Structure formats: C-alpha cells, structure tokens
C-alpha cells in the first residue's frame, strides 16, 4: 500500500478507539503472515495486492470445517462490504467488524 494512503487510513481509523493499528508490513513481506503474527483482527490491503487474490477467490463460497472428533464444525464465510474512504464510510467499519468479524 502506498505510504500516503496508509497514513490516511490510519489517521481515519484513530477516531475509533475500539480499533488499534498494530503496524504495517514491509512491502516485500507476506501481509497475511504479518497479520497473524500481530494477532490482528483486520488486515488492510490495496485491492491490487497479490495477497488479496486467494482471499478474494473465496468470496461467495462458504467453508464448513469439521472438528477432528466429528462433534462440531465451523462455518467460514466471506462477504464484500464496500466502504467509502471518508469519515462517514469509515465510521461503519467498527460495526461491520462487530457484526461479521472477529472472534479471537
């Protein structure tokens, strides 16, 4: 992600105390691995980032994984929610995360 765009997004997210920017992955690194290492709940990528391709390919596909003991499973879904990069749009981000997102 271009440095200036990253700074704009970080500044816009700072008004939401429930969201914390934990860092930026260097351009040559694997952003998915960096997000896992940082225990991030949201990863911000440019739509042209190659790391997004395998994730985006799963949009619209539900994955149901079964536990080894066969007693339960987990459903994983991925949905696109367009959000404008303005104050009104970014104010929706915490709500979308709470509704569709993170379970640690």
Protein backbone atom coordinates (compact mmCIF):
# COMPACT_ATOMS: atom_id res chain seq x y z
CA UNK A 1 0.00 0.00 0.00
CA UNK A 2 1.39 3.43 -0.82
CA UNK A 3 2.75 5.19 2.28
CA UNK A 4 0.46 8.21 1.95
CA UNK A 5 -2.68 6.10 1.55
CA UNK A 6 -1.71 4.02 4.57
CA UNK A 7 -1.28 7.19 6.63
CA UNK A 8 -4.69 8.50 5.55
CA UNK A 9 -6.38 5.23 6.52
CA UNK A 10 -4.54 5.06 9.86
CA UNK A 11 -5.50 8.64 10.69
CA UNK A 12 -9.14 7.98 9.80
CA UNK A 13 -9.20 4.86 11.99
CA UNK A 14 -7.70 6.64 15.01
CA UNK A 15 -11.08 8.24 15.79
CA UNK A 16 -12.37 4.75 16.63
CA UNK A 17 -10.86 3.76 20.00
CA UNK A 18 -12.07 0.17 19.56
CA UNK A 19 -9.73 -0.18 16.55
CA UNK A 20 -5.97 -0.17 17.01
CA UNK A 21 -3.42 -0.06 14.23
CA UNK A 22 -0.74 -2.55 15.22
CA UNK A 23 1.72 -1.84 12.44
CA UNK A 24 2.49 -2.09 8.77
CA UNK A 25 4.07 -4.99 6.98
CA UNK A 26 7.07 -4.09 4.83
CA UNK A 27 6.25 -4.13 1.11
CA UNK A 28 8.34 -7.25 0.48
CA UNK A 29 6.77 -9.25 3.32
CA UNK A 30 3.74 -11.52 3.46
CA UNK A 31 0.92 -9.35 4.88
CA UNK A 32 -1.16 -12.40 5.87
CA UNK A 33 1.71 -13.78 7.94
CA UNK A 34 2.34 -10.34 9.46
CA UNK A 35 -1.33 -10.05 10.43
CA UNK A 36 -1.28 -13.47 12.07
CA UNK A 37 1.92 -12.62 13.94
CA UNK A 38 0.44 -9.33 15.17
CA UNK A 39 -2.80 -11.12 16.13
CA UNK A 40 -4.65 -8.55 14.02
CA UNK A 41 -8.40 -8.72 13.65
CA UNK A 42 -8.47 -6.61 10.48
CA UNK A 43 -5.94 -6.57 7.65
CA UNK A 44 -5.96 -3.53 5.33
CA UNK A 45 -4.76 -4.23 1.79
CA UNK A 46 -4.98 -2.46 -1.56
CA UNK A 47 -7.36 -4.21 -3.95
CA UNK A 48 -4.39 -4.82 -6.26
CA UNK A 49 -2.26 -6.51 -3.57
CA UNK A 50 -1.40 -10.07 -4.66
CA UNK A 51 -2.02 -11.28 -1.08
CA UNK A 52 -5.70 -10.48 -1.57
CA UNK A 53 -6.13 -12.83 -4.55
CA UNK A 54 -6.50 -16.14 -2.65
CA UNK A 55 -8.85 -14.49 -0.15
CA UNK A 56 -10.99 -12.81 -2.81
CA UNK A 57 -11.33 -16.11 -4.69
CA UNK A 58 -13.32 -17.45 -1.72
CA UNK A 59 -15.90 -14.68 -1.84
CA UNK A 60 -19.32 -16.26 -2.10
CA UNK A 61 -18.03 -19.69 -1.04
CA UNK A 62 -18.96 -20.95 2.41
CA UNK A 63 -16.45 -23.30 4.03
CA UNK A 64 -17.70 -25.73 6.67
CA UNK A 65 -14.84 -27.38 8.52
CA UNK A 66 -15.46 -30.37 10.75
CA UNK A 67 -13.70 -30.90 14.07
CA UNK A 68 -11.46 -33.95 14.35
CA UNK A 69 -13.86 -35.56 16.84
CA UNK A 70 -16.80 -35.06 14.46
CA UNK A 71 -18.93 -33.39 17.14
CA UNK A 72 -18.96 -29.89 15.72
CA UNK A 73 -17.89 -27.76 12.84
CA UNK A 74 -17.26 -24.14 11.98
CA UNK A 75 -18.70 -22.11 9.14
CA UNK A 76 -16.49 -19.53 7.46
CA UNK A 77 -18.00 -17.03 5.03
CA UNK A 78 -16.55 -14.05 3.23
CA UNK A 79 -18.67 -11.10 2.10
CA UNK A 80 -17.70 -7.84 0.43
CA UNK A 81 -18.98 -4.65 2.09
CA UNK A 82 -17.96 -1.58 0.05
CA UNK A 83 -16.98 1.29 2.34
CA UNK A 84 -16.17 4.82 1.23
CA UNK A 85 -12.84 6.20 2.43
CA UNK A 86 -14.41 9.20 4.08
CA UNK A 87 -15.47 9.91 7.65
CA UNK A 88 -19.00 8.56 7.14
CA UNK A 89 -17.82 5.41 5.38
CA UNK A 90 -15.06 4.57 7.82
CA UNK A 91 -17.41 5.13 10.75
CA UNK A 92 -19.22 1.98 9.53
CA UNK A 93 -16.09 -0.17 9.85
CA UNK A 94 -16.33 -0.97 13.59
CA UNK A 95 -19.98 -2.03 13.17
CA UNK A 96 -19.17 -4.33 10.24
CA UNK A 97 -16.31 -5.85 12.19
CA UNK A 98 -18.54 -6.43 15.22
CA UNK A 99 -21.33 -7.96 13.10
CA UNK A 100 -19.25 -10.10 10.76
CA UNK A 101 -15.82 -10.21 12.14
CA UNK A 102 -13.54 -11.09 14.79
CA UNK A 103 -13.53 -13.92 17.20
CA UNK A 104 -10.14 -14.36 18.82
